[in-house]
């Protein structure tokens, strides 16, 4: 039986991991469809439910792959290239505090580039708003989930 992940769990995975889950789900779907085609007493309502769940899971996987692919295409358009050895890190342009003075309109806090390992990134994306940070741009995102947190 295929281990099905929730949509939120799928979004937390890298694009390669999501594609491997899709491959497993497609294989399981093919097995179930072959069993259904044979019919007989071997085909049960439990197997039909599993087939339905696999089909719905594949729809979610396709949606996540599309989101991550479009995010990586947007990221590829930028001319930022990470330094060697930091390709697996998330590179962001962030600001701490308010960026512009509301009275004068002058910039108070310039944006700067910050790099995060995977574990640091998972923690930062949960707490950055409470700490007073604003994500201005996702410069390099190998995990594909930073683009949705960029302030518009």
Protein backbone atom coordinates (compact mmCIF):
# COMPACT_ATOMS: atom_id res chain seq x y z
CA UNK A 1 0.00 0.00 0.00
CA UNK A 2 1.24 3.47 -0.92
CA UNK A 3 1.99 5.91 1.89
CA UNK A 4 -0.07 9.00 1.11
CA UNK A 5 1.07 12.38 2.37
CA UNK A 6 -1.05 15.41 3.12
CA UNK A 7 -0.85 18.38 0.75
CA UNK A 8 1.11 20.42 3.30
CA UNK A 9 3.65 17.59 3.70
CA UNK A 10 4.05 17.38 -0.08
CA UNK A 11 4.72 21.11 -0.31
CA UNK A 12 7.49 20.79 2.31
CA UNK A 13 9.37 18.25 0.18
CA UNK A 14 11.84 19.06 -2.57
CA UNK A 15 10.77 18.78 -6.21
CA UNK A 16 12.80 15.57 -6.68
CA UNK A 17 11.14 13.92 -3.67
CA UNK A 18 7.67 14.85 -4.93
CA UNK A 19 8.49 13.37 -8.33
CA UNK A 20 9.64 10.11 -6.69
CA UNK A 21 6.32 9.93 -4.77
CA UNK A 22 4.49 10.47 -8.06
CA UNK A 23 6.40 7.60 -9.65
CA UNK A 24 5.43 5.26 -6.79
CA UNK A 25 1.80 6.39 -6.97
CA UNK A 26 1.64 5.82 -10.74
CA UNK A 27 3.07 2.31 -10.27
CA UNK A 28 0.49 1.51 -7.57
CA UNK A 29 -2.31 2.89 -9.74
CA UNK A 30 -1.22 0.64 -12.61
CA UNK A 31 -1.19 -2.39 -10.27
CA UNK A 32 -4.69 -1.62 -9.02
CA UNK A 33 -6.04 -1.01 -12.52
CA UNK A 34 -4.59 -4.33 -13.67
CA UNK A 35 -6.26 -6.09 -10.74
CA UNK A 36 -9.55 -4.36 -11.55
CA UNK A 37 -9.32 -5.41 -15.20
CA UNK A 38 -8.95 -9.06 -14.11
CA UNK A 39 -12.03 -8.62 -11.94
CA UNK A 40 -13.41 -11.58 -10.11
CA UNK A 41 -13.50 -12.08 -6.37
CA UNK A 42 -10.03 -10.56 -5.98
CA UNK A 43 -11.42 -7.07 -6.62
CA UNK A 44 -12.96 -5.70 -3.43
CA UNK A 45 -14.48 -2.42 -2.34
CA UNK A 46 -11.34 -1.76 -0.26
CA UNK A 47 -9.20 -1.98 -3.38
CA UNK A 48 -11.60 0.36 -5.20
CA UNK A 49 -11.28 2.86 -2.33
CA UNK A 50 -7.50 2.61 -2.50
CA UNK A 51 -7.60 3.21 -6.27
CA UNK A 52 -9.77 6.29 -5.75
CA UNK A 53 -7.39 7.60 -3.08
CA UNK A 54 -4.35 7.05 -5.32
CA UNK A 55 -6.03 8.97 -8.15
CA UNK A 56 -6.81 11.89 -5.83
CA UNK A 57 -3.27 11.75 -4.43
CA UNK A 58 -1.87 11.96 -7.98
CA UNK A 59 -3.91 15.12 -8.59
CA UNK A 60 -2.39 16.71 -5.47
CA UNK A 61 1.11 15.60 -6.49
CA UNK A 62 0.66 17.09 -9.96
CA UNK A 63 -0.48 20.40 -8.43
CA UNK A 64 2.55 20.53 -6.13
CA UNK A 65 4.93 19.70 -8.99
CA UNK A 66 3.38 22.48 -11.07
CA UNK A 67 3.74 24.99 -8.20
CA UNK A 68 7.35 24.05 -7.54
CA UNK A 69 8.22 24.08 -11.24
CA UNK A 70 6.74 27.54 -11.76
CA UNK A 71 8.56 28.80 -8.65
CA UNK A 72 11.86 27.42 -9.94
CA UNK A 73 11.25 29.01 -13.37
CA UNK A 74 10.65 32.38 -11.71
CA UNK A 75 13.78 31.86 -9.68
CA UNK A 76 15.74 30.86 -12.80
CA UNK A 77 14.85 34.18 -14.44
CA UNK A 78 16.88 36.09 -11.85
CA UNK A 79 20.57 36.48 -12.52
CA UNK A 80 21.57 35.49 -8.97
CA UNK A 81 23.88 32.50 -8.77
CA UNK A 82 24.81 30.96 -5.41
CA UNK A 83 28.47 30.58 -4.52
CA UNK A 84 29.94 27.09 -4.82
CA UNK A 85 29.14 25.02 -1.75
CA UNK A 86 25.93 26.93 -0.95
CA UNK A 87 23.71 25.45 -3.67
CA UNK A 88 21.64 23.45 -1.16
CA UNK A 89 20.96 26.53 0.98
CA UNK A 90 18.02 28.93 0.68
CA UNK A 91 19.18 32.43 -0.28
CA UNK A 92 16.79 35.28 0.55
CA UNK A 93 16.77 39.03 0.37
CA UNK A 94 15.29 40.11 3.72
CA UNK A 95 14.68 43.25 5.77
CA UNK A 96 14.49 43.53 9.55
CA UNK A 97 12.05 46.07 10.94
CA UNK A 98 10.36 48.70 8.83
CA UNK A 99 12.11 49.38 5.58
CA UNK A 100 10.99 52.96 4.98
CA UNK A 101 10.30 55.83 7.35
CA UNK A 102 6.58 56.60 6.96
CA UNK A 103 7.11 60.31 7.62
CA UNK A 104 9.97 61.01 5.22
CA UNK A 105 9.81 58.06 2.84
CA UNK A 106 13.54 57.52 3.19
CA UNK A 107 14.91 54.02 3.46
CA UNK A 108 15.80 53.08 7.04
CA UNK A 109 16.66 49.40 6.70
CA UNK A 110 18.21 48.22 3.43
CA UNK A 111 17.54 44.66 2.26
CA UNK A 112 20.37 42.17 2.68
CA UNK A 113 21.03 38.61 1.56
CA UNK A 114 20.76 35.81 4.11
CA UNK A 115 21.46 32.10 3.56
CA UNK A 116 19.73 29.28 5.44
CA UNK A 117 20.38 25.56 5.67
CA UNK A 118 17.29 23.36 5.35
CA UNK A 119 16.76 23.13 9.13
CA UNK A 120 17.32 26.86 9.62
CA UNK A 121 14.93 27.59 6.75
CA UNK A 122 12.18 25.43 8.30
CA UNK A 123 12.52 27.34 11.57
CA UNK A 124 12.83 30.78 9.95
CA UNK A 125 9.73 30.40 7.78
CA UNK A 126 7.66 29.62 10.89
CA UNK A 127 8.88 32.61 12.90
CA UNK A 128 10.09 35.35 10.54
CA UNK A 129 6.99 37.54 10.87
CA UNK A 130 7.04 37.44 14.66
CA UNK A 131 10.70 38.40 14.65
CA UNK A 132 10.02 41.43 12.46
CA UNK A 133 11.52 40.20 9.19
CA UNK A 134 10.12 40.74 5.71
CA UNK A 135 11.13 38.52 2.80
CA UNK A 136 11.74 40.78 -0.20
CA UNK A 137 12.91 38.15 -2.73
CA UNK A 138 13.76 34.46 -2.96
CA UNK A 139 17.13 34.54 -4.72
CA UNK A 140 17.84 30.79 -4.67
CA UNK A 141 15.39 28.21 -3.36
CA UNK A 142 16.23 24.53 -3.92
CA UNK A 143 13.15 23.44 -1.90
CA UNK A 144 10.63 25.53 -3.84
CA UNK A 145 8.61 27.01 -0.98
CA UNK A 146 10.16 30.46 -0.44
CA UNK A 147 8.48 32.16 -3.41
CA UNK A 148 5.05 32.02 -1.77
CA UNK A 149 6.37 33.89 1.32
CA UNK A 150 7.78 36.86 -0.61
CA UNK A 151 6.04 40.14 0.26
CA UNK A 152 4.18 41.46 -2.75
